[in-house]
Structures are given as C-alpha cells and as structure tokens.
C-alpha cells in the first residue's frame, strides 16, 4: 500500500511538473518570449526589407548621439539608463548614436590611434544598457561637422604629421587621413566589450554601422568623390565584419546620376549622390534626413510639410524601384526654436511623418522605420539643440511615438502573416490587401500588444 502510494505520489508530482512546463511554454508563446520578441539574431536584409530571424522587422526609433559622451562621467550614467529604459517602455526599438569623439572634451580618440579607455568603457556601457532594454543600435564612425572632432580634426592631425592637406574635403582622398579613419573603424569594430564580454562585431545589439554622420563635400558637388570614398570604406568595413549591416549616413541629396531628381533637393546640393552611393554592393540600406524647418526656414508649416511629403515620396520610390533596398528616415524633427513653434505644431508634424512612413511601409516594404532627432533625459538642457524630446515631460509626444512603434510592430506581424498565408517568401511585396490597411487605432494596437506580448524584454540575450 505504501509502495502504491509512493507510485501515485510520484506520478502526481510528474504530472504537476509536466503541467507546469506546459504552462511555462504557453506563457512564453503568449508573451512572444524573449528570443522571439526581441530576437537573439542579427538584423539582416532580404530584398527591400529588414528581417529578424526570418521575419519582417519594422520599427520606430530615435537618435541619442550623446550616450557615450555622457556615460564617460560615471555620475551621469543614470541619464543613459533613463532614456533607454523609457524608450523601451514606449516600444521604441532602434537608437542611433555616436561611436566617435575625436579630440576635445571626453575624447574617445585623443590622437590618431590613441584612445581613452575610460571613454571606450562608456561606449561599452551604452551598448550593454541597450542590450538590457532590448534596443538595437546604429553606431556612426565619424562626424562631417566639427562637433566631437569630425573631418576637421582628422585633417589637422594629418597636417600635424607633415601631410599636405588643402582642406577638410581632403578627408575623402588623403592617404594619411584615410589611414587614420580605417584604423578607427578597426578599433571600434573589433572592440571587446568589457561589460557584455562580447566583441562589437559579434554583438547583435548593434544593428548597423554608419560611415559618417551626414557626409558632405564642397570640393565636388557631383557626388563622385564621396561615392568613391564610400565604395572603399564600405568594402573595408565588410572585410572586418560581415555580420552587421552598413549604411552611409546620407541626408538624401541627389547628385549627377539622376539630374532630373535634383528638383527635389531643397535648392542646393552638398556633394553627395543618393542614388549611386546607395547602389554600391556593400551598402545594405539607404537613409535620408529631413529638416524642412531649417532647409526652408522662410516657409510656413504647410509648405514645409509639402516638401517633406515630396522628399519621402521620391526616396521611397527610388528605394523601391532602383535601389531595391530598405529605406530609413534616420533623422527628422521640429525645433522649439522655430518661429511660431508650439508643442501642438511639433506633435502634428511628427504625426504626419509617422503616418506617411506607415503608409509606405504597408505598401510593399522598403520604408522600414524612422528615427526622431532626438531623445534626451531630464536635466540635459545644455545638450538641447532645440529638437530635444524628453519622454514623460510631454505625454502627448510620448503617446504619438509609442503608437507609431506599436503600429510598425503590428505591421511586421501583418506582413509576415500575409506572406505565410499566400505562400510569399519574405522579401516579396506585401499582399495587396495590406496596401489598403489603415493606420491601426489605439484599441487595435492595444489588442495586438496583448495578443503578441509587446511589453519590452529585459534582454536581447
């Protein structure tokens, strides 16, 4: 009898364990599970789409260029954690930030090949915090502008070494400067993270590398100089790391490849060619930036929005029909320093950009996400260039950003479902029914979040 009781007890315990295991599996599926929701894999491209673990990856994100710079002071690291935590809570999933600081205050690269380990560990921290909060990073290698060193600092270093340098545009052609820049790329890409214990080139937290923040060249407005530089540098990055995606950092200005397209430029050129450079084999996706409040400063809000619509439409069409690569609006915003600025005007502008982004994303891929310029933490007024958004300070803005994040995530599932239902491989255009799918209501998004577990994971694993 005792033996029988023990057997019954054992079987009952086994049954309880199996039920518990089944409930755990079901709970993981209901919540999306850590790996399924945020993905342990690298973001890749298939045709004109981003994919993550074989499924479409659409996103809403943000810029916070200052992460490493602020984290270099341990007493300020809480600001990095705050922004990444709050962004994750709002559903934002991609952040673009600087992996450079050339000379000057809190420099990463003090002089060519000489790095401040304390600042590199600050970048380690930023990456580890992004990983913790399920946010992927786009890391930029150098600045076009003088802030944080940029091309001018590289040119000065070369002069100091005795090289003949005519001006900052020699950054693209001078062998000494090119050597310095390649060395920097190598140091960043092969960096071993002291916190995560993962080399940067092996870390899927990093979504992509960026060659330069807004490359420009006054010496050659055709775009050919920057194009040849891009060809060489993109190939060099890929020789070090073929796991990560690569983009250039361009604003989207048209050059000589398609002269008829120059009508879409805001009245001037900057020495880049959106078409020819993004066609290069080693460039994985295209980017545009958009600041009609600066580019068309004398125009009213309506005229600026019309320009934005044309800017987005033209580049979406190019990416879909010529480049056949994903497109990201990597910077856009509205400054509080604009004449007649109001919070409502900014919210309306953001809502319109998001609406257009979503519309193109549902119309057969290509348009894959947008990154607002820029998110900051509380108490960072000295960093504010007029475009700062502090999540929580303006609930209306936060709600608009969060709604777009969940809309893009929901669209990822709709596209994947349409592909599966109609036997389309990922990378094909979405089923035509999705092309008329309206921007989801708040109720629909909440329902989708419950169904697919869109509360952010604590780790990319």
Protein backbone atom coordinates (compact mmCIF):
# COMPACT_ATOMS: atom_id res chain seq x y z
CA UNK A 1 0.00 0.00 0.00
CA UNK A 2 2.85 2.33 0.94
CA UNK A 3 4.62 1.42 -2.30
CA UNK A 4 1.44 2.11 -4.27
CA UNK A 5 1.02 5.45 -2.51
CA UNK A 6 4.59 6.37 -3.36
CA UNK A 7 3.98 5.48 -7.04
CA UNK A 8 0.77 7.56 -7.09
CA UNK A 9 2.58 10.42 -5.39
CA UNK A 10 5.44 10.16 -7.90
CA UNK A 11 3.05 10.10 -10.86
CA UNK A 12 1.11 13.03 -9.44
CA UNK A 13 4.33 15.00 -8.97
CA UNK A 14 5.39 14.19 -12.52
CA UNK A 15 2.00 15.28 -13.83
CA UNK A 16 2.23 18.55 -11.91
CA UNK A 17 5.71 19.14 -13.31
CA UNK A 18 4.52 18.47 -16.87
CA UNK A 19 1.55 20.82 -16.45
CA UNK A 20 3.86 23.48 -15.03
CA UNK A 21 6.21 23.03 -18.00
CA UNK A 22 3.29 23.25 -20.44
CA UNK A 23 2.02 26.43 -18.76
CA UNK A 24 5.52 27.92 -18.95
CA UNK A 25 5.75 27.15 -22.67
CA UNK A 26 2.29 28.62 -23.28
CA UNK A 27 3.17 31.71 -21.25
CA UNK A 28 6.34 32.20 -23.30
CA UNK A 29 4.37 31.87 -26.52
CA UNK A 30 1.70 34.29 -25.30
CA UNK A 31 4.29 36.87 -24.31
CA UNK A 32 6.24 36.39 -27.51
CA UNK A 33 9.20 35.05 -25.46
CA UNK A 34 12.46 36.93 -25.11
CA UNK A 35 14.08 35.41 -28.16
CA UNK A 36 11.01 35.57 -30.40
CA UNK A 37 10.08 39.12 -29.45
CA UNK A 38 13.46 40.86 -29.47
CA UNK A 39 15.41 38.22 -31.32
CA UNK A 40 18.80 36.83 -30.49
CA UNK A 41 19.87 37.10 -34.10
CA UNK A 42 21.29 39.89 -36.24
CA UNK A 43 19.04 42.21 -38.20
CA UNK A 44 19.57 41.39 -41.87
CA UNK A 45 18.12 42.37 -45.22
CA UNK A 46 16.17 40.34 -47.76
CA UNK A 47 15.49 42.39 -50.81
CA UNK A 48 13.93 45.68 -49.75
CA UNK A 49 13.12 44.53 -46.22
CA UNK A 50 14.83 44.18 -42.90
CA UNK A 51 14.35 40.75 -41.39
CA UNK A 52 14.99 39.40 -37.92
CA UNK A 53 15.10 35.64 -37.51
CA UNK A 54 13.47 35.34 -40.92
CA UNK A 55 10.52 37.64 -40.19
CA UNK A 56 9.94 41.25 -41.32
CA UNK A 57 11.43 43.85 -38.99
CA UNK A 58 9.76 47.28 -38.98
CA UNK A 59 10.43 49.79 -36.24
CA UNK A 60 10.14 53.21 -34.71
CA UNK A 61 13.24 54.60 -33.06
CA UNK A 62 15.27 57.62 -32.07
CA UNK A 63 18.62 59.39 -32.03
CA UNK A 64 20.57 59.96 -28.82
CA UNK A 65 24.02 60.91 -30.12
CA UNK A 66 25.31 61.70 -26.63
CA UNK A 67 25.19 58.27 -24.98
CA UNK A 68 28.94 57.60 -24.87
CA UNK A 69 29.86 61.22 -24.13
CA UNK A 70 27.58 61.41 -21.10
CA UNK A 71 28.42 57.90 -19.88
CA UNK A 72 32.10 58.88 -19.73
CA UNK A 73 31.19 60.50 -16.40
CA UNK A 74 30.03 57.64 -14.14
CA UNK A 75 27.90 60.05 -12.11
CA UNK A 76 25.82 60.79 -15.26
CA UNK A 77 25.30 57.23 -16.48
CA UNK A 78 21.83 57.17 -14.99
CA UNK A 79 20.78 59.51 -17.83
CA UNK A 80 21.75 56.88 -20.40
CA UNK A 81 19.83 54.23 -18.48
CA UNK A 82 16.81 56.52 -18.11
CA UNK A 83 16.47 57.29 -21.81
CA UNK A 84 16.94 53.69 -22.93
CA UNK A 85 14.54 52.42 -20.28
CA UNK A 86 11.85 54.98 -21.12
CA UNK A 87 12.29 54.46 -24.87
CA UNK A 88 11.93 50.73 -24.43
CA UNK A 89 8.80 51.21 -22.33
CA UNK A 90 7.34 53.29 -25.18
CA UNK A 91 8.06 50.48 -27.65
CA UNK A 92 10.96 52.19 -29.44
CA UNK A 93 13.43 49.59 -30.63
CA UNK A 94 16.31 51.26 -32.55
CA UNK A 95 18.69 54.02 -31.44
CA UNK A 96 21.34 55.82 -33.48
CA UNK A 97 24.35 57.18 -31.58
CA UNK A 98 27.99 58.23 -31.98
CA UNK A 99 30.94 55.83 -31.77
CA UNK A 100 33.36 58.71 -32.19
CA UNK A 101 34.82 61.58 -30.23
CA UNK A 102 37.95 62.88 -31.91
CA UNK A 103 39.97 65.23 -29.74
CA UNK A 104 38.43 67.71 -27.29
CA UNK A 105 36.35 67.10 -24.19
CA UNK A 106 35.88 63.45 -23.19
CA UNK A 107 37.52 62.36 -26.44
CA UNK A 108 37.37 58.70 -27.38
CA UNK A 109 40.28 59.12 -29.80
CA UNK A 110 42.73 61.54 -28.20
CA UNK A 111 45.05 61.49 -31.21
CA UNK A 112 45.38 59.07 -34.14
CA UNK A 113 45.41 55.54 -32.73
CA UNK A 114 45.46 56.75 -29.09
CA UNK A 115 42.24 56.04 -27.19
CA UNK A 116 40.93 56.88 -23.75
CA UNK A 117 39.95 53.52 -22.26
CA UNK A 118 37.63 55.25 -19.82
CA UNK A 119 35.58 56.66 -22.72
CA UNK A 120 35.64 53.35 -24.60
CA UNK A 121 34.21 51.74 -21.48
CA UNK A 122 31.48 54.38 -21.57
CA UNK A 123 30.55 53.10 -25.06
CA UNK A 124 30.68 49.57 -23.66
CA UNK A 125 28.17 50.72 -21.03
CA UNK A 126 25.84 52.30 -23.58
CA UNK A 127 25.80 49.09 -25.62
CA UNK A 128 25.20 46.96 -22.53
CA UNK A 129 22.29 49.17 -21.46
CA UNK A 130 20.78 48.99 -24.94
CA UNK A 131 21.08 45.21 -24.77
CA UNK A 132 19.40 45.17 -21.36
CA UNK A 133 16.43 47.15 -22.64
CA UNK A 134 16.03 45.37 -25.98
CA UNK A 135 17.12 48.30 -28.15
CA UNK A 136 19.30 47.91 -31.22
CA UNK A 137 21.98 50.45 -32.07
CA UNK A 138 23.22 52.14 -35.23
CA UNK A 139 26.79 53.29 -34.48
CA UNK A 140 28.36 56.12 -36.50
CA UNK A 141 32.14 56.22 -37.06
CA UNK A 142 32.83 59.94 -37.65
CA UNK A 143 31.19 63.35 -37.97
CA UNK A 144 31.05 65.54 -41.05
CA UNK A 145 30.91 68.55 -38.73
CA UNK A 146 33.34 69.97 -36.19
CA UNK A 147 31.35 68.79 -33.18
CA UNK A 148 33.21 65.96 -31.45
CA UNK A 149 36.17 66.45 -33.81
CA UNK A 150 34.91 65.32 -37.17
CA UNK A 151 36.62 65.67 -40.55
CA UNK A 152 38.38 68.87 -39.49
CA UNK A 153 40.14 67.14 -36.59
CA UNK A 154 41.37 64.35 -38.88
CA UNK A 155 42.67 66.97 -41.33
CA UNK A 156 44.51 68.77 -38.53
CA UNK A 157 46.05 65.55 -37.27
CA UNK A 158 47.35 64.86 -40.77
CA UNK A 159 48.82 68.38 -41.03
CA UNK A 160 50.48 67.90 -37.66
CA UNK A 161 52.08 64.73 -39.05
CA UNK A 162 53.52 66.67 -42.00
CA UNK A 163 50.97 65.65 -44.65
CA UNK A 164 49.92 68.16 -47.29
CA UNK A 165 46.25 68.91 -46.66
CA UNK A 166 44.36 71.54 -48.63
CA UNK A 167 41.17 71.46 -46.60
CA UNK A 168 38.62 69.36 -44.77
CA UNK A 169 37.41 67.77 -48.01
CA UNK A 170 40.78 66.01 -48.28
CA UNK A 171 39.29 63.66 -45.68
CA UNK A 172 37.91 61.67 -48.62
CA UNK A 173 41.15 61.39 -50.62
CA UNK A 174 44.26 61.99 -48.48
CA UNK A 175 46.09 58.69 -47.80
CA UNK A 176 47.19 59.72 -44.30
CA UNK A 177 43.68 60.69 -43.26
CA UNK A 178 42.19 57.57 -44.83
CA UNK A 179 44.69 55.51 -42.85
CA UNK A 180 43.65 57.21 -39.60
CA UNK A 181 39.98 56.65 -40.36
CA UNK A 182 40.42 52.99 -41.24
CA UNK A 183 42.37 52.47 -38.02
CA UNK A 184 39.47 53.97 -36.08
CA UNK A 185 36.96 51.71 -37.81
CA UNK A 186 39.11 48.70 -36.97
CA UNK A 187 39.39 49.69 -33.31
CA UNK A 188 35.65 50.13 -32.93
CA UNK A 189 34.51 47.09 -34.91
CA UNK A 190 36.94 44.72 -33.16
CA UNK A 191 36.46 46.23 -29.69
CA UNK A 192 35.85 43.69 -26.88
CA UNK A 193 33.09 44.96 -24.62
CA UNK A 194 34.33 44.93 -21.03
CA UNK A 195 30.78 44.63 -19.67
CA UNK A 196 28.94 42.24 -22.02
CA UNK A 197 32.15 40.27 -22.75
CA UNK A 198 31.22 40.24 -26.44
CA UNK A 199 33.22 41.79 -29.27
CA UNK A 200 31.29 44.53 -31.02
CA UNK A 201 31.39 42.69 -34.35
CA UNK A 202 29.78 39.65 -32.70
CA UNK A 203 27.05 41.55 -30.85
CA UNK A 204 23.54 41.55 -32.39
CA UNK A 205 22.64 44.50 -30.15
CA UNK A 206 24.38 46.54 -32.86
CA UNK A 207 22.05 46.71 -35.85
CA UNK A 208 24.34 48.58 -38.23
CA UNK A 209 27.48 50.63 -38.74
CA UNK A 210 27.33 54.12 -40.26
CA UNK A 211 30.28 55.51 -42.23
CA UNK A 212 29.69 59.19 -41.39
CA UNK A 213 27.07 61.48 -39.94
CA UNK A 214 25.85 63.45 -42.95
CA UNK A 215 28.82 63.30 -45.36
CA UNK A 216 29.24 66.44 -47.45
CA UNK A 217 31.90 67.62 -49.90
CA UNK A 218 32.12 71.20 -51.14
CA UNK A 219 35.02 70.38 -53.47
CA UNK A 220 32.88 68.13 -55.67
CA UNK A 221 29.13 68.69 -55.85
CA UNK A 222 28.68 65.85 -58.36
CA UNK A 223 28.87 63.26 -55.60
CA UNK A 224 31.66 61.26 -57.26
CA UNK A 225 34.31 61.96 -54.60
CA UNK A 226 32.10 60.83 -51.74
CA UNK A 227 30.93 57.89 -53.84
CA UNK A 228 34.45 56.55 -54.38
CA UNK A 229 35.26 57.05 -50.70
CA UNK A 230 32.07 55.18 -49.78
CA UNK A 231 33.00 52.30 -52.08
CA UNK A 232 36.41 51.89 -50.42
CA UNK A 233 35.23 52.35 -46.83
CA UNK A 234 32.18 50.11 -47.13
CA UNK A 235 34.37 47.35 -48.53
CA UNK A 236 36.84 47.85 -45.68
CA UNK A 237 34.14 47.57 -43.02
CA UNK A 238 32.81 44.40 -44.62
CA UNK A 239 36.32 42.93 -44.65
CA UNK A 240 36.27 43.19 -40.86
CA UNK A 241 32.63 42.32 -40.20
CA UNK A 242 30.07 40.66 -42.47
CA UNK A 243 27.54 40.04 -39.70
CA UNK A 244 26.34 43.61 -39.36
CA UNK A 245 24.54 45.87 -41.78
CA UNK A 246 26.17 49.01 -43.15
CA UNK A 247 24.76 52.37 -44.21
CA UNK A 248 26.42 55.61 -45.26
CA UNK A 249 24.74 58.26 -43.11
CA UNK A 250 23.49 60.33 -46.04
CA UNK A 251 20.81 63.01 -45.88
CA UNK A 252 19.38 62.01 -49.26
CA UNK A 253 20.60 64.81 -51.54
CA UNK A 254 20.59 63.93 -55.22
CA UNK A 255 23.70 64.26 -57.41
CA UNK A 256 24.65 63.83 -61.06
CA UNK A 257 23.42 60.25 -61.50
CA UNK A 258 19.83 61.45 -61.86
CA UNK A 259 19.94 65.17 -62.75
CA UNK A 260 16.15 65.27 -63.04
CA UNK A 261 15.96 64.35 -59.35
CA UNK A 262 17.78 67.48 -58.23
CA UNK A 263 14.45 69.30 -58.29
CA UNK A 264 13.66 67.50 -55.04
CA UNK A 265 16.73 68.92 -53.27
CA UNK A 266 15.97 71.95 -51.07
CA UNK A 267 17.52 74.42 -53.50
CA UNK A 268 21.14 73.33 -53.17
CA UNK A 269 23.49 70.33 -53.22
CA UNK A 270 26.00 69.05 -50.66
CA UNK A 271 28.32 66.86 -52.77
CA UNK A 272 26.59 63.52 -52.36
CA UNK A 273 24.63 61.31 -54.74
CA UNK A 274 21.83 59.38 -53.06
CA UNK A 275 21.38 57.00 -55.99
CA UNK A 276 24.92 55.99 -56.98
CA UNK A 277 26.28 55.60 -53.45
CA UNK A 278 23.37 53.57 -52.13
CA UNK A 279 23.57 51.29 -55.16
CA UNK A 280 27.01 50.11 -54.01
CA UNK A 281 27.07 46.40 -53.21
CA UNK A 282 28.37 46.76 -49.65
CA UNK A 283 25.78 49.34 -48.63
CA UNK A 284 22.86 47.41 -47.13
CA UNK A 285 20.22 50.12 -46.74
CA UNK A 286 19.59 53.75 -47.56
CA UNK A 287 18.94 56.65 -45.21
CA UNK A 288 17.50 60.12 -45.53
CA UNK A 289 17.46 63.01 -43.09
CA UNK A 290 14.88 65.77 -43.23
CA UNK A 291 14.87 69.25 -41.71
CA UNK A 292 12.49 71.39 -43.76
CA UNK A 293 12.29 73.80 -40.82
CA UNK A 294 15.99 74.56 -41.50
CA UNK A 295 16.18 73.92 -45.23
CA UNK A 296 13.06 76.01 -45.95
CA UNK A 297 13.28 78.35 -42.99
CA UNK A 298 11.33 81.11 -44.72
CA UNK A 299 8.36 78.86 -45.46
CA UNK A 300 5.34 78.17 -43.24
CA UNK A 301 4.46 74.83 -41.66
CA UNK A 302 2.22 73.82 -44.55
CA UNK A 303 4.92 74.41 -47.17
CA UNK A 304 7.45 72.54 -45.06
CA UNK A 305 5.12 69.55 -44.77
CA UNK A 306 4.56 69.55 -48.53
CA UNK A 307 8.33 69.43 -49.02
CA UNK A 308 8.60 66.58 -46.51
CA UNK A 309 5.94 64.59 -48.34
CA UNK A 310 7.74 65.03 -51.68
CA UNK A 311 11.12 64.23 -50.08
CA UNK A 312 9.81 60.99 -48.57
CA UNK A 313 7.84 60.00 -51.67
CA UNK A 314 10.75 60.49 -54.04
CA UNK A 315 13.20 58.48 -51.94
CA UNK A 316 10.69 55.73 -51.24
CA UNK A 317 10.11 55.34 -54.96
CA UNK A 318 13.88 55.28 -55.64
CA UNK A 319 14.47 52.69 -52.93
CA UNK A 320 11.63 50.53 -54.24
CA UNK A 321 12.39 50.68 -57.96
CA UNK A 322 16.11 51.48 -58.32
CA UNK A 323 17.98 50.59 -55.13
CA UNK A 324 15.68 47.74 -54.06
CA UNK A 325 16.94 48.16 -50.51
CA UNK A 326 15.31 49.17 -47.21
CA UNK A 327 14.94 52.89 -46.51
CA UNK A 328 15.13 54.54 -43.08
CA UNK A 329 14.32 58.13 -42.15
CA UNK A 330 17.37 58.35 -39.90
CA UNK A 331 16.81 61.94 -38.69
CA UNK A 332 13.81 64.23 -38.59
CA UNK A 333 12.32 66.65 -36.10
CA UNK A 334 10.92 70.09 -35.44
CA UNK A 335 12.83 72.61 -33.37
CA UNK A 336 11.39 74.54 -30.43
CA UNK A 337 13.44 77.46 -31.73
CA UNK A 338 11.44 77.69 -34.95
CA UNK A 339 9.35 80.87 -35.35
CA UNK A 340 5.82 80.25 -34.14
CA UNK A 341 6.76 76.92 -32.54
CA UNK A 342 4.23 75.16 -30.36
CA UNK A 343 4.07 71.68 -28.88
CA UNK A 344 0.95 71.01 -30.92
CA UNK A 345 2.74 72.01 -34.13
CA UNK A 346 5.56 69.58 -33.34
CA UNK A 347 3.12 66.79 -32.49
CA UNK A 348 1.18 67.40 -35.70
CA UNK A 349 4.39 67.33 -37.75
CA UNK A 350 5.56 64.08 -36.13
CA UNK A 351 2.14 62.50 -36.61
CA UNK A 352 2.18 63.36 -40.30
CA UNK A 353 5.69 61.95 -40.83
CA UNK A 354 4.72 58.79 -38.97
CA UNK A 355 1.51 58.46 -40.99
CA UNK A 356 3.43 58.72 -44.27
CA UNK A 357 6.09 56.28 -43.03
CA UNK A 358 3.46 53.74 -42.06
CA UNK A 359 1.63 54.17 -45.34
CA UNK A 360 4.72 53.45 -47.40
CA UNK A 361 5.77 50.60 -45.11
CA UNK A 362 2.46 48.83 -45.70
CA UNK A 363 2.67 49.42 -49.46
CA UNK A 364 5.14 46.69 -50.27
CA UNK A 365 8.04 47.19 -47.89
CA UNK A 366 11.15 49.36 -48.47
CA UNK A 367 10.18 52.12 -45.98
CA UNK A 368 11.21 50.35 -42.79
CA UNK A 369 11.36 52.84 -39.93
CA UNK A 370 12.10 56.32 -38.67
CA UNK A 371 14.38 57.83 -36.02
CA UNK A 372 13.31 61.07 -34.35
CA UNK A 373 16.02 63.64 -33.60
CA UNK A 374 16.40 63.41 -30.60
CA UNK A 375 15.67 61.89 -27.17
CA UNK A 376 17.26 63.25 -24.01
CA UNK A 377 16.97 62.68 -20.28
CA UNK A 378 15.84 65.12 -17.63
CA UNK A 379 18.44 67.74 -16.74
CA UNK A 380 20.21 67.84 -20.11
CA UNK A 381 19.28 71.37 -21.18
CA UNK A 382 22.89 72.18 -22.09
CA UNK A 383 22.72 69.48 -24.81
CA UNK A 384 19.40 70.66 -26.23
CA UNK A 385 19.71 71.94 -29.80
CA UNK A 386 16.01 72.78 -29.92
CA UNK A 387 14.94 69.32 -31.05
CA UNK A 388 15.11 67.53 -27.71
CA UNK A 389 12.23 65.30 -26.67
CA UNK A 390 12.12 64.13 -23.05
CA UNK A 391 9.79 61.16 -22.77
CA UNK A 392 7.30 61.75 -19.97
CA UNK A 393 7.71 65.52 -19.95
CA UNK A 394 5.33 65.84 -22.89
CA UNK A 395 2.79 62.99 -22.64
CA UNK A 396 1.20 63.84 -25.99
CA UNK A 397 4.52 63.46 -27.83
CA UNK A 398 5.34 60.27 -25.97
CA UNK A 399 1.95 58.81 -26.89
CA UNK A 400 2.45 59.64 -30.60
CA UNK A 401 5.88 57.96 -30.65
CA UNK A 402 4.63 54.91 -28.76
CA UNK A 403 1.62 54.49 -31.01
CA UNK A 404 3.85 54.53 -34.10
CA UNK A 405 6.19 51.98 -32.50
CA UNK A 406 3.34 49.56 -31.88
CA UNK A 407 1.82 50.26 -35.30
CA UNK A 408 5.08 49.34 -37.05
CA UNK A 409 5.47 46.25 -34.90
CA UNK A 410 1.89 45.20 -35.63
CA UNK A 411 2.52 45.76 -39.34
CA UNK A 412 5.53 43.42 -39.15
CA UNK A 413 3.19 40.66 -37.98
CA UNK A 414 0.56 41.50 -40.60
CA UNK A 415 3.13 41.35 -43.41
CA UNK A 416 4.56 38.10 -42.09
CA UNK A 417 1.05 36.63 -41.81
CA UNK A 418 0.17 37.71 -45.34
CA UNK A 419 3.40 36.16 -46.66
CA UNK A 420 2.68 32.89 -44.88
CA UNK A 421 -0.98 32.81 -45.92
CA UNK A 422 -0.24 33.43 -49.58
CA UNK A 423 2.99 31.47 -49.86
CA UNK A 424 5.20 34.52 -50.41
CA UNK A 425 8.78 34.37 -49.25
CA UNK A 426 9.97 37.17 -47.00
CA UNK A 427 11.36 39.91 -49.16
CA UNK A 428 8.43 39.85 -51.59
CA UNK A 429 5.90 42.66 -51.65
CA UNK A 430 3.11 42.51 -49.12
CA UNK A 431 -0.21 41.07 -50.17
CA UNK A 432 -2.32 43.74 -51.95
CA UNK A 433 -4.90 43.72 -49.14
CA UNK A 434 -2.27 45.21 -46.85
CA UNK A 435 -1.78 48.11 -49.21
CA UNK A 436 -5.17 49.44 -48.11
CA UNK A 437 -4.68 48.62 -44.45
CA UNK A 438 -5.33 51.77 -42.44
CA UNK A 439 -3.15 53.02 -39.62
CA UNK A 440 -4.34 50.96 -36.61
CA UNK A 441 -6.50 52.56 -33.93
CA UNK A 442 -5.27 52.75 -30.35
CA UNK A 443 -7.74 49.97 -29.43
CA UNK A 444 -6.44 47.73 -32.21
CA UNK A 445 -2.86 48.31 -31.12
CA UNK A 446 -3.65 47.50 -27.51
CA UNK A 447 -5.38 44.31 -28.65
CA UNK A 448 -2.36 43.41 -30.79
CA UNK A 449 0.01 44.10 -27.88
CA UNK A 450 -1.96 41.72 -25.67
CA UNK A 451 -2.02 39.05 -28.36
CA UNK A 452 1.71 39.26 -29.13
CA UNK A 453 3.20 40.26 -25.81
CA UNK A 454 4.61 43.67 -26.76
CA UNK A 455 5.91 44.58 -23.38
CA UNK A 456 9.64 45.01 -23.84
CA UNK A 457 12.02 42.24 -22.84
CA UNK A 458 14.81 42.93 -20.40
CA UNK A 459 17.48 41.50 -22.67
CA UNK A 460 18.42 40.69 -26.25
CA UNK A 461 20.27 37.65 -24.85
